[in-house]
């Protein structure tokens, strides 16, 4: 009879410990995996969106520079080609992304060019002339043909360009020539490097891709994938105008968390339809969850062994206490708030009771840590400010009750002026320290019910509650206070550092009742502040109204 009791108790303890530990571990691991996937997926999607925006903004800027150049008197008045040569060389010096700039007559003959490359050549059969003689032409990425052996190429890698050409017309509207430029694809690689460098330390093994619109060819990515086609659902979703992320199997057979976004142009630049993908292997993204799963499994096995031994050696004398202890353990597993007994007639019972308590405390601690992980997902790890997840939650709660308060929201989009120079001269550690100091000053200005968010990099967003009739004025006053605070010197590495900031503002629901559109409007107003001289604030649809700081 004693052998049966020992065997029964041993099996009971093994089953109880395994079921309790593995069930709770499985629930915690699945919840952790879901949270980690969401957080990393949103981060990858945000990086893809920011990259697409930077690509389109860069192309829009270069396109505008070509428009301005084509209207210069030195071209329109058909002055000496030497003057045109000098002007083109100066432009290339100012904007190194232009690898080659040329001015052709209406027959396609090169009259002037940077470095005199292809001077006097007939380019009438090249698309850059055939399209540019009709209207502005922006060509997709292609390998160098005529310029492959004429331009310097220290790396030895194939040269790739993006073309821009447009007709030059005189004051009467008659076409008198074609202005053409080849932009080196290196600028896109630089954007890729800067975006990957800005990722968090835990976002390892991340790749960024730029994919063409027509044949889904990889224009930029790992060397072994450039020129190949990507038949992915994420590309299809991006080309339909969506931005987001998903877990997807790639052609190499591996699963990746993939963020995607579509370059739909900027301002009057319609874009070339590039899709930006940012991926991270699922195994890398969920490494912390896998480690937690291994720990939980080992803990469950260890607990099972301990309880089996205790049950075997103490069964003969502790049948009654074991029944009482088992009863309380079962009630605890059912969710009741009961205390396990710590003292009994036998030392073995005390040991068993303390072991159960330690296991319960360990599981409870893991639950607390999981709650802390969920809270951390809403805050930027560097500055401590709320992040995009917190902003989304804040807007969801705020917009539901905004109509009842007779107030509206003022969105202030902030971008630091001079931050890149600090990073380049003092290093990224100093740049991180500067971001923390900026966040502290923004926090010092914050008001109750408002929110200050770090969007990423050196970009921040402030959402203010304001009365309808005072929204713009209060937004201006708050923006002026921000500029004043950030214009004050910062001490970094025992050096005094000066920066500024440009701010764009938009009002909800006056400008739009769509929060996403409001953020985009504030971003557009920010870029107008940048172009107006930086260190100032501009509201949407008002080019200079409210500019401060000069």
Protein backbone atom coordinates (compact mmCIF):
# COMPACT_ATOMS: atom_id res chain seq x y z
CA UNK A 1 0.00 0.00 0.00
CA UNK A 2 2.94 2.33 0.78
CA UNK A 3 4.45 1.85 -2.72
CA UNK A 4 1.19 2.87 -4.37
CA UNK A 5 1.02 6.00 -2.24
CA UNK A 6 4.56 7.02 -3.14
CA UNK A 7 3.99 6.34 -6.81
CA UNK A 8 0.70 8.24 -6.80
CA UNK A 9 2.19 11.23 -4.98
CA UNK A 10 5.21 11.31 -7.29
CA UNK A 11 3.02 11.24 -10.41
CA UNK A 12 0.69 13.85 -8.91
CA UNK A 13 3.49 16.27 -8.19
CA UNK A 14 5.05 15.77 -11.62
CA UNK A 15 1.74 16.40 -13.37
CA UNK A 16 0.83 19.41 -11.22
CA UNK A 17 4.19 21.11 -11.60
CA UNK A 18 4.40 20.47 -15.35
CA UNK A 19 0.84 21.54 -16.09
CA UNK A 20 1.06 24.67 -13.97
CA UNK A 21 4.49 25.73 -15.21
CA UNK A 22 4.04 24.85 -18.88
CA UNK A 23 0.53 26.29 -19.13
CA UNK A 24 1.52 29.61 -17.63
CA UNK A 25 4.76 29.57 -19.62
CA UNK A 26 2.87 28.91 -22.87
CA UNK A 27 0.44 31.76 -22.21
CA UNK A 28 3.23 34.16 -21.29
CA UNK A 29 5.38 33.16 -24.26
CA UNK A 30 2.56 33.54 -26.77
CA UNK A 31 1.66 36.93 -25.36
CA UNK A 32 5.28 38.02 -25.38
CA UNK A 33 5.74 36.81 -28.99
CA UNK A 34 2.65 38.76 -30.09
CA UNK A 35 3.83 41.93 -28.34
CA UNK A 36 7.39 41.67 -29.67
CA UNK A 37 6.16 41.03 -33.24
CA UNK A 38 3.88 44.05 -33.07
CA UNK A 39 6.57 46.32 -31.67
CA UNK A 40 9.28 45.26 -34.12
CA UNK A 41 6.85 45.16 -37.07
CA UNK A 42 5.69 48.71 -36.36
CA UNK A 43 9.32 49.82 -36.08
CA UNK A 44 10.21 48.20 -39.43
CA UNK A 45 7.13 49.74 -41.06
CA UNK A 46 8.04 53.16 -39.68
CA UNK A 47 11.59 52.82 -41.01
CA UNK A 48 10.27 51.84 -44.46
CA UNK A 49 7.88 54.80 -44.47
CA UNK A 50 10.57 57.26 -43.36
CA UNK A 51 12.97 55.92 -46.01
CA UNK A 52 10.37 56.24 -48.79
CA UNK A 53 9.65 59.78 -47.63
CA UNK A 54 13.35 60.70 -47.64
CA UNK A 55 13.82 59.23 -51.15
CA UNK A 56 10.87 61.16 -52.57
CA UNK A 57 11.89 64.36 -50.80
CA UNK A 58 15.42 64.06 -52.19
CA UNK A 59 14.16 63.51 -55.75
CA UNK A 60 11.69 66.40 -55.40
CA UNK A 61 14.51 68.69 -54.28
CA UNK A 62 16.80 67.71 -57.19
CA UNK A 63 13.90 68.07 -59.66
CA UNK A 64 13.24 71.57 -58.36
CA UNK A 65 16.91 72.48 -58.73
CA UNK A 66 16.82 71.41 -62.38
CA UNK A 67 13.67 73.52 -62.94
CA UNK A 68 15.43 76.53 -61.43
CA UNK A 69 18.57 75.92 -63.51
CA UNK A 70 16.59 75.70 -66.75
CA UNK A 71 15.18 79.17 -66.11
CA UNK A 72 18.54 80.89 -65.63
CA UNK A 73 19.41 83.64 -68.15
CA UNK A 74 22.73 81.96 -68.92
CA UNK A 75 20.75 79.22 -70.74
CA UNK A 76 17.73 81.16 -71.96
CA UNK A 77 19.79 83.98 -73.50
CA UNK A 78 22.12 81.49 -75.22
CA UNK A 79 25.25 83.18 -73.94
CA UNK A 80 28.76 81.79 -74.41
CA UNK A 81 29.18 78.08 -73.85
CA UNK A 82 32.13 78.88 -71.56
CA UNK A 83 29.72 80.59 -69.18
CA UNK A 84 27.39 77.60 -69.34
CA UNK A 85 30.36 75.28 -68.62
CA UNK A 86 31.31 77.35 -65.59
CA UNK A 87 27.75 77.43 -64.28
CA UNK A 88 27.34 73.61 -64.65
CA UNK A 89 30.66 72.92 -62.91
CA UNK A 90 29.67 75.19 -60.02
CA UNK A 91 26.34 73.38 -59.66
CA UNK A 92 28.06 70.00 -59.58
CA UNK A 93 30.46 71.27 -56.92
CA UNK A 94 27.52 72.47 -54.79
CA UNK A 95 25.49 69.27 -55.33
CA UNK A 96 27.85 66.25 -55.64
CA UNK A 97 24.89 63.92 -56.19
CA UNK A 98 24.82 65.21 -59.80
CA UNK A 99 27.49 63.01 -61.41
CA UNK A 100 27.11 64.63 -64.83
CA UNK A 101 25.16 67.66 -66.10
CA UNK A 102 24.94 68.72 -69.73
CA UNK A 103 23.22 71.24 -71.97
CA UNK A 104 22.26 70.03 -75.48
CA UNK A 105 20.90 71.88 -78.46
CA UNK A 106 17.63 70.84 -80.09
CA UNK A 107 19.43 68.23 -82.23
CA UNK A 108 20.89 66.41 -79.23
CA UNK A 109 24.45 67.72 -79.56
CA UNK A 110 26.19 68.36 -76.22
CA UNK A 111 27.15 72.06 -76.11
CA UNK A 112 28.37 72.17 -72.50
CA UNK A 113 28.91 69.58 -69.76
CA UNK A 114 30.61 69.07 -66.43
CA UNK A 115 34.23 68.09 -66.91
CA UNK A 116 33.66 68.44 -70.70
CA UNK A 117 32.52 64.80 -70.66
CA UNK A 118 30.74 63.84 -73.93
CA UNK A 119 31.25 67.41 -75.16
CA UNK A 120 30.22 67.66 -78.83
CA UNK A 121 28.69 64.15 -78.81
CA UNK A 122 25.32 63.42 -80.37
CA UNK A 123 22.90 62.07 -77.74
CA UNK A 124 19.79 62.30 -79.89
CA UNK A 125 19.24 58.53 -79.62
CA UNK A 126 19.41 58.47 -75.84
CA UNK A 127 16.18 58.53 -73.77
CA UNK A 128 17.52 61.44 -71.71
CA UNK A 129 17.30 63.59 -74.88
CA UNK A 130 14.30 61.98 -76.60
CA UNK A 131 12.12 62.36 -73.51
CA UNK A 132 13.59 65.63 -72.27
CA UNK A 133 12.99 67.49 -75.55
CA UNK A 134 9.23 66.91 -75.02
CA UNK A 135 8.73 67.52 -71.29
CA UNK A 136 10.39 66.97 -67.94
CA UNK A 137 11.66 63.38 -67.77
CA UNK A 138 12.73 61.50 -64.63
CA UNK A 139 14.09 58.06 -65.49
CA UNK A 140 14.34 55.07 -63.21
CA UNK A 141 17.62 53.57 -61.97
CA UNK A 142 19.81 52.18 -64.77
CA UNK A 143 23.43 51.17 -65.37
CA UNK A 144 25.81 53.66 -66.92
CA UNK A 145 26.26 53.25 -70.70
CA UNK A 146 28.18 56.14 -72.26
CA UNK A 147 29.57 57.38 -68.92
CA UNK A 148 30.78 54.05 -67.54
CA UNK A 149 34.40 54.61 -68.60
CA UNK A 150 34.36 58.43 -68.46
CA UNK A 151 33.48 59.07 -64.82
CA UNK A 152 35.76 58.25 -61.87
CA UNK A 153 34.85 54.99 -60.15
CA UNK A 154 37.21 54.17 -57.26
CA UNK A 155 35.04 51.29 -55.97
CA UNK A 156 35.03 49.42 -59.27
CA UNK A 157 31.35 48.58 -58.83
CA UNK A 158 28.92 49.14 -61.77
CA UNK A 159 27.83 52.78 -61.94
CA UNK A 160 24.10 53.39 -61.67
CA UNK A 161 22.18 56.59 -62.29
CA UNK A 162 18.78 58.26 -62.14
CA UNK A 163 18.16 60.62 -65.07
CA UNK A 164 16.50 64.02 -65.03
CA UNK A 165 16.06 66.06 -68.24
CA UNK A 166 13.76 68.84 -69.38
CA UNK A 167 13.39 71.29 -72.29
CA UNK A 168 14.88 74.76 -72.03
CA UNK A 169 12.60 77.40 -73.52
CA UNK A 170 13.20 81.08 -74.35
CA UNK A 171 10.97 83.94 -73.26
CA UNK A 172 8.56 83.25 -76.12
CA UNK A 173 8.10 79.61 -75.10
CA UNK A 174 10.18 78.17 -77.95
CA UNK A 175 12.33 75.13 -77.10
CA UNK A 176 15.99 76.06 -77.55
CA UNK A 177 17.72 73.10 -75.92
CA UNK A 178 17.66 70.28 -73.38
CA UNK A 179 19.14 70.30 -69.86
CA UNK A 180 20.04 66.80 -68.66
CA UNK A 181 21.64 65.33 -65.53
CA UNK A 182 22.68 61.92 -64.23
CA UNK A 183 22.36 61.51 -60.46
CA UNK A 184 24.58 58.90 -58.86
CA UNK A 185 22.69 56.11 -57.10
CA UNK A 186 25.15 56.49 -54.22
CA UNK A 187 22.84 59.00 -52.52
CA UNK A 188 20.23 56.26 -52.09
CA UNK A 189 22.85 53.99 -50.54
CA UNK A 190 23.72 56.80 -48.11
CA UNK A 191 20.05 57.11 -47.11
CA UNK A 192 19.95 53.35 -46.57
CA UNK A 193 23.05 53.46 -44.36
CA UNK A 194 21.71 56.35 -42.29
CA UNK A 195 18.33 54.65 -41.73
CA UNK A 196 19.92 51.33 -40.68
CA UNK A 197 22.37 53.16 -38.40
CA UNK A 198 19.49 54.87 -36.59
CA UNK A 199 17.84 51.54 -35.63
CA UNK A 200 17.84 50.40 -32.01
CA UNK A 201 20.60 48.14 -30.73
CA UNK A 202 18.23 45.16 -30.49
CA UNK A 203 17.17 45.41 -34.15
CA UNK A 204 19.96 43.24 -35.56
CA UNK A 205 20.27 41.56 -38.98
CA UNK A 206 18.00 44.18 -40.59
CA UNK A 207 18.09 44.62 -44.39
CA UNK A 208 16.57 47.46 -46.42
CA UNK A 209 15.42 47.11 -50.04
CA UNK A 210 14.30 49.51 -52.77
CA UNK A 211 12.16 47.74 -55.39
CA UNK A 212 11.14 49.11 -58.81
CA UNK A 213 7.49 49.51 -59.77
CA UNK A 214 7.18 47.69 -63.12
CA UNK A 215 9.07 44.42 -62.77
CA UNK A 216 9.63 44.42 -58.96
CA UNK A 217 13.39 44.38 -59.48
CA UNK A 218 15.62 45.01 -56.47
CA UNK A 219 17.34 48.34 -57.11
CA UNK A 220 19.08 48.53 -53.74
CA UNK A 221 19.70 45.79 -51.21
CA UNK A 222 22.21 43.02 -50.47
CA UNK A 223 24.64 42.58 -53.38
CA UNK A 224 23.46 39.07 -54.20
CA UNK A 225 19.82 40.24 -54.58
CA UNK A 226 20.30 43.43 -56.63
CA UNK A 227 18.72 42.92 -60.05
CA UNK A 228 16.49 40.01 -58.97
CA UNK A 229 12.70 40.11 -58.83
CA UNK A 230 10.76 39.93 -55.54
CA UNK A 231 7.35 38.22 -55.91
CA UNK A 232 6.17 39.17 -52.40
CA UNK A 233 2.74 40.04 -51.03
CA UNK A 234 4.30 43.00 -49.20
CA UNK A 235 5.34 44.52 -52.54
CA UNK A 236 1.80 44.07 -53.85
CA UNK A 237 0.33 45.71 -50.74
CA UNK A 238 2.80 48.60 -50.93
CA UNK A 239 2.09 49.21 -54.62
CA UNK A 240 -1.62 49.40 -53.78
CA UNK A 241 -0.81 52.39 -51.56
CA UNK A 242 -0.69 50.66 -48.19
CA UNK A 243 1.98 50.88 -45.50
CA UNK A 244 2.41 48.32 -42.74
CA UNK A 245 4.17 45.07 -41.88
CA UNK A 246 3.62 41.32 -42.00
CA UNK A 247 5.38 38.03 -41.36
CA UNK A 248 6.30 36.72 -44.78
CA UNK A 249 8.31 33.92 -46.41
CA UNK A 250 10.97 35.22 -48.80
CA UNK A 251 12.47 33.46 -51.84
CA UNK A 252 15.28 32.02 -49.69
CA UNK A 253 12.62 30.00 -47.83
CA UNK A 254 13.08 31.89 -44.54
CA UNK A 255 10.43 33.88 -42.70
CA UNK A 256 10.99 37.58 -42.08
CA UNK A 257 9.11 40.35 -40.32
CA UNK A 258 8.72 42.72 -43.26
CA UNK A 259 7.81 46.42 -43.09
CA UNK A 260 6.71 48.00 -46.35
CA UNK A 261 5.91 51.45 -47.74
CA UNK A 262 5.37 53.01 -51.16
CA UNK A 263 7.05 56.10 -52.58
CA UNK A 264 4.06 58.01 -53.94
CA UNK A 265 5.98 61.23 -54.54
CA UNK A 266 6.21 64.53 -52.75
CA UNK A 267 4.54 67.86 -53.56
CA UNK A 268 4.60 68.23 -57.41
CA UNK A 269 7.00 65.26 -57.83
CA UNK A 270 4.83 62.23 -58.65
CA UNK A 271 7.49 59.67 -57.78
CA UNK A 272 8.91 56.67 -59.63
CA UNK A 273 6.81 54.18 -57.67
CA UNK A 274 9.62 52.69 -55.59
CA UNK A 275 8.65 50.23 -52.86
CA UNK A 276 10.74 50.23 -49.68
CA UNK A 277 11.00 46.98 -47.71
CA UNK A 278 12.71 46.59 -44.32
CA UNK A 279 13.04 43.02 -43.06
CA UNK A 280 14.37 41.18 -40.02
CA UNK A 281 14.59 37.36 -39.68
CA UNK A 282 11.80 35.98 -37.50
CA UNK A 283 14.35 33.97 -35.52
CA UNK A 284 16.32 37.13 -34.70
CA UNK A 285 13.24 39.19 -33.86
CA UNK A 286 11.89 36.53 -31.49
CA UNK A 287 15.23 35.52 -29.94
CA UNK A 288 14.24 36.90 -26.54
CA UNK A 289 10.95 34.98 -26.66
CA UNK A 290 12.78 31.76 -27.55
CA UNK A 291 15.12 32.29 -24.60
CA UNK A 292 12.12 32.79 -22.30
CA UNK A 293 10.56 29.60 -23.68
CA UNK A 294 13.74 27.60 -22.97
CA UNK A 295 13.92 28.97 -19.44
CA UNK A 296 10.28 28.14 -18.79
CA UNK A 297 10.74 24.58 -20.07
CA UNK A 298 13.82 23.98 -17.94
CA UNK A 299 12.11 25.49 -14.91
CA UNK A 300 9.13 23.18 -15.43
CA UNK A 301 11.38 20.11 -15.74
CA UNK A 302 13.37 21.13 -12.67
CA UNK A 303 10.21 21.66 -10.65
CA UNK A 304 8.89 18.27 -11.74
CA UNK A 305 12.08 16.51 -10.59
CA UNK A 306 12.08 18.29 -7.22
CA UNK A 307 8.47 17.49 -6.49
CA UNK A 308 8.82 13.88 -7.61
CA UNK A 309 11.68 13.30 -5.15
CA UNK A 310 9.85 15.04 -2.34
CA UNK A 311 6.72 12.98 -2.98
CA UNK A 312 8.65 9.72 -3.06
CA UNK A 313 10.58 10.16 0.17
CA UNK A 314 7.85 11.70 2.30
CA UNK A 315 4.72 9.85 1.20
CA UNK A 316 4.74 7.30 3.98
CA UNK A 317 4.47 9.85 6.83
CA UNK A 318 2.81 12.87 5.30
CA UNK A 319 -0.27 11.53 3.59
CA UNK A 320 -2.64 13.76 5.53
CA UNK A 321 -0.58 16.98 5.29
CA UNK A 322 -0.02 16.28 1.59
CA UNK A 323 -3.75 16.06 1.04
CA UNK A 324 -4.25 19.41 2.75
CA UNK A 325 -1.38 20.94 0.82
CA UNK A 326 -2.61 19.50 -2.48
CA UNK A 327 -6.07 20.86 -1.77
CA UNK A 328 -4.71 24.39 -1.26
CA UNK A 329 -2.45 24.10 -4.31
CA UNK A 330 -5.43 23.10 -6.45
CA UNK A 331 -7.43 26.06 -5.12
CA UNK A 332 -4.50 28.34 -5.89
CA UNK A 333 -4.30 26.95 -9.42
CA UNK A 334 -8.04 27.65 -9.75
CA UNK A 335 -7.43 31.34 -9.02
CA UNK A 336 -8.36 31.60 -5.35
CA UNK A 337 -6.37 33.89 -3.09
CA UNK A 338 -5.13 31.42 -0.49
CA UNK A 339 -1.91 31.03 1.47
CA UNK A 340 0.14 27.86 1.36
CA UNK A 341 1.02 26.57 4.86
CA UNK A 342 4.63 27.13 5.89
CA UNK A 343 4.73 24.99 9.02
CA UNK A 344 3.68 21.41 9.68
CA UNK A 345 4.57 18.34 11.62
CA UNK A 346 7.32 17.29 9.23
CA UNK A 347 10.32 19.10 7.81
CA UNK A 348 9.63 17.68 4.36
CA UNK A 349 6.20 19.35 4.32
CA UNK A 350 7.85 22.67 5.12
CA UNK A 351 10.34 22.21 2.27
CA UNK A 352 7.58 21.32 -0.14
CA UNK A 353 5.50 24.30 0.91
CA UNK A 354 8.41 26.71 0.50
CA UNK A 355 9.21 25.28 -2.94
CA UNK A 356 5.64 25.85 -4.06
CA UNK A 357 5.78 29.43 -2.77
CA UNK A 358 8.98 30.11 -4.65
CA UNK A 359 7.45 28.77 -7.84
CA UNK A 360 4.35 30.95 -7.40
CA UNK A 361 6.52 34.01 -6.73
CA UNK A 362 8.63 33.24 -9.81
CA UNK A 363 5.57 32.94 -12.03
CA UNK A 364 4.08 36.10 -10.51
CA UNK A 365 7.37 37.94 -11.10
CA UNK A 366 7.36 36.87 -14.75
CA UNK A 367 3.83 38.23 -15.07
CA UNK A 368 4.99 41.55 -13.59
CA UNK A 369 7.98 41.64 -15.96
CA UNK A 370 5.67 40.99 -18.90
CA UNK A 371 3.50 43.93 -17.81
CA UNK A 372 6.63 46.08 -17.65
CA UNK A 373 7.59 44.97 -21.17
CA UNK A 374 4.16 46.03 -22.42
CA UNK A 375 4.60 49.45 -20.75
CA UNK A 376 8.07 49.88 -22.28
CA UNK A 377 6.60 49.27 -25.73
CA UNK A 378 4.90 52.67 -25.42
CA UNK A 379 8.02 54.66 -24.56
CA UNK A 380 11.14 55.57 -26.50
CA UNK A 381 14.07 53.75 -24.90
CA UNK A 382 16.56 56.59 -25.44
CA UNK A 383 14.65 59.70 -24.34
CA UNK A 384 11.90 58.22 -22.18
CA UNK A 385 9.28 60.13 -24.18
CA UNK A 386 6.11 58.41 -25.43
CA UNK A 387 6.54 56.77 -28.86
CA UNK A 388 4.24 56.22 -31.84
CA UNK A 389 2.36 53.44 -30.03
CA UNK A 390 1.63 55.81 -27.14
CA UNK A 391 0.56 58.53 -29.60
CA UNK A 392 -1.90 56.17 -31.26
CA UNK A 393 -3.37 55.17 -27.88
CA UNK A 394 -3.51 58.83 -26.77
CA UNK A 395 -5.35 59.93 -29.93
CA UNK A 396 -7.78 57.01 -29.69
CA UNK A 397 -8.78 58.09 -26.17
CA UNK A 398 -8.65 61.85 -26.80
CA UNK A 399 -10.62 61.99 -30.06
CA UNK A 400 -13.47 59.99 -28.53
CA UNK A 401 -14.22 62.81 -26.07
CA UNK A 402 -12.89 65.86 -27.92
CA UNK A 403 -16.28 67.00 -29.31
CA UNK A 404 -17.71 67.19 -25.80
CA UNK A 405 -15.01 69.66 -24.63
CA UNK A 406 -15.51 72.35 -27.35
CA UNK A 407 -11.76 72.26 -27.94
CA UNK A 408 -9.49 71.19 -30.74
CA UNK A 409 -5.98 69.78 -31.08
CA UNK A 410 -2.91 71.63 -32.32
CA UNK A 411 -0.25 69.32 -33.82
CA UNK A 412 3.33 70.72 -33.74
CA UNK A 413 5.84 68.69 -35.84
CA UNK A 414 9.43 69.43 -34.69
CA UNK A 415 12.71 68.67 -36.48
CA UNK A 416 16.07 69.70 -35.01
CA UNK A 417 18.31 72.03 -37.04
CA UNK A 418 22.02 71.22 -36.79
CA UNK A 419 21.62 67.78 -35.19
CA UNK A 420 23.48 65.96 -37.98
CA UNK A 421 26.47 68.25 -37.52
CA UNK A 422 26.65 67.27 -33.82
CA UNK A 423 26.52 63.58 -34.75
CA UNK A 424 29.24 64.00 -37.39
CA UNK A 425 31.59 66.06 -35.22
CA UNK A 426 31.09 64.70 -31.70
CA UNK A 427 29.82 61.19 -32.46
CA UNK A 428 26.55 59.28 -32.07
CA UNK A 429 26.94 58.99 -28.29
CA UNK A 430 26.97 62.77 -28.02
CA UNK A 431 24.03 62.89 -30.43
CA UNK A 432 22.06 60.52 -28.19
CA UNK A 433 22.93 62.65 -25.16
CA UNK A 434 21.73 65.73 -27.03
CA UNK A 435 18.41 64.04 -27.86
CA UNK A 436 17.95 63.24 -24.17
CA UNK A 437 18.57 66.88 -23.23
CA UNK A 438 16.16 68.06 -25.92
CA UNK A 439 13.53 65.65 -24.62
CA UNK A 440 14.00 67.02 -21.08
CA UNK A 441 13.48 70.59 -22.25
CA UNK A 442 10.38 69.61 -24.20
CA UNK A 443 9.09 67.77 -21.12
CA UNK A 444 9.66 70.88 -18.98
CA UNK A 445 7.33 72.78 -21.34
CA UNK A 446 4.63 70.11 -21.40
CA UNK A 447 1.16 70.79 -20.03
CA UNK A 448 -1.43 68.55 -18.44
CA UNK A 449 -3.59 66.62 -20.95
CA UNK A 450 -1.06 67.28 -23.77
CA UNK A 451 1.52 64.81 -25.10
CA UNK A 452 5.08 65.12 -26.37
CA UNK A 453 6.23 62.22 -28.59
CA UNK A 454 9.52 61.21 -30.17
CA UNK A 455 8.70 60.00 -33.69
CA UNK A 456 12.22 58.82 -34.44
CA UNK A 457 15.66 60.26 -35.22
CA UNK A 458 15.58 63.97 -34.38
CA UNK A 459 11.84 64.37 -35.02
CA UNK A 460 9.28 65.08 -32.28
CA UNK A 461 5.54 65.78 -32.17
CA UNK A 462 3.57 67.80 -29.60
CA UNK A 463 -0.24 67.59 -29.43
CA UNK A 464 -1.89 70.46 -27.56
CA UNK A 465 -5.47 70.85 -26.28
CA UNK A 466 -6.57 74.38 -27.25
CA UNK A 467 -9.82 76.39 -27.37
CA UNK A 468 -11.18 76.85 -30.91
CA UNK A 469 -10.76 80.62 -31.00
CA UNK A 470 -7.25 80.53 -29.52
CA UNK A 471 -5.80 77.41 -31.17
CA UNK A 472 -3.46 79.10 -33.61
CA UNK A 473 -2.33 81.74 -31.09
CA UNK A 474 -1.62 79.18 -28.37
CA UNK A 475 0.16 76.97 -30.90
CA UNK A 476 2.34 79.93 -31.94
CA UNK A 477 3.15 80.77 -28.32
CA UNK A 478 4.03 77.17 -27.52
CA UNK A 479 6.13 76.88 -30.69
CA UNK A 480 7.97 80.11 -29.80
CA UNK A 481 8.69 78.69 -26.34
CA UNK A 482 10.08 75.50 -27.89
CA UNK A 483 12.37 77.44 -30.23
CA UNK A 484 13.53 79.65 -27.37
CA UNK A 485 14.30 76.63 -25.20
CA UNK A 486 16.18 74.75 -27.94
CA UNK A 487 18.15 77.85 -28.97
CA UNK A 488 19.74 77.90 -25.52
CA UNK A 489 23.23 76.34 -25.47
CA UNK A 490 23.71 72.66 -24.63
CA UNK A 491 26.82 71.29 -22.91
CA UNK A 492 28.12 68.11 -24.58
CA UNK A 493 31.54 66.58 -24.04
CA UNK A 494 32.56 69.78 -22.19
CA UNK A 495 31.68 71.80 -25.27
CA UNK A 496 28.96 74.37 -25.81
CA UNK A 497 26.68 73.22 -28.65
CA UNK A 498 24.09 75.37 -30.39
CA UNK A 499 21.18 73.94 -32.37
CA UNK A 500 17.77 75.13 -33.43
CA UNK A 501 14.54 73.63 -34.63
CA UNK A 502 11.98 74.01 -37.38
CA UNK A 503 8.30 73.50 -36.55
CA UNK A 504 5.22 72.83 -38.66
CA UNK A 505 1.71 73.20 -37.27
CA UNK A 506 -1.73 71.88 -38.20
CA UNK A 507 -5.12 71.97 -36.43
CA UNK A 508 -7.59 69.15 -35.82
CA UNK A 509 -10.34 69.24 -36.97
CA UNK A 510 -9.99 72.67 -38.65
CA UNK A 511 -7.45 71.51 -41.27
CA UNK A 512 -8.66 67.90 -41.42
CA UNK A 513 -10.62 65.40 -39.33
CA UNK A 514 -8.13 62.64 -40.17
CA UNK A 515 -5.28 62.41 -37.61
CA UNK A 516 -2.92 60.79 -40.14
CA UNK A 517 -3.58 63.62 -42.59
CA UNK A 518 -3.05 66.20 -39.82
CA UNK A 519 0.40 64.77 -39.06
CA UNK A 520 1.24 64.84 -42.77
CA UNK A 521 0.06 68.47 -43.01
CA UNK A 522 2.21 69.45 -40.03
CA UNK A 523 5.15 67.65 -41.68
CA UNK A 524 4.60 69.64 -44.90
CA UNK A 525 4.46 72.88 -42.91
CA UNK A 526 7.72 71.81 -41.24
CA UNK A 527 9.43 71.49 -44.62
CA UNK A 528 8.21 75.00 -45.52
CA UNK A 529 9.84 76.26 -42.31
CA UNK A 530 13.05 74.51 -43.39
CA UNK A 531 12.97 76.12 -46.81
CA UNK A 532 12.15 79.55 -45.31
CA UNK A 533 15.40 79.59 -43.36
CA UNK A 534 14.91 77.10 -40.49
CA UNK A 535 14.56 77.85 -36.76
CA UNK A 536 10.98 79.04 -37.21
CA UNK A 537 7.38 77.84 -37.17
CA UNK A 538 4.86 77.73 -40.00
CA UNK A 539 1.23 76.61 -39.92
CA UNK A 540 -0.22 74.55 -42.75
CA UNK A 541 -1.44 76.66 -45.71
CA UNK A 542 0.41 79.73 -44.34
CA UNK A 543 3.86 80.04 -45.88
CA UNK A 544 5.34 82.51 -43.41
CA UNK A 545 2.63 83.23 -40.84
CA UNK A 546 3.97 82.74 -37.36
CA UNK A 547 7.64 82.48 -38.34
CA UNK A 548 9.80 83.00 -35.28
CA UNK A 549 13.45 82.76 -34.53
CA UNK A 550 14.70 83.88 -38.02
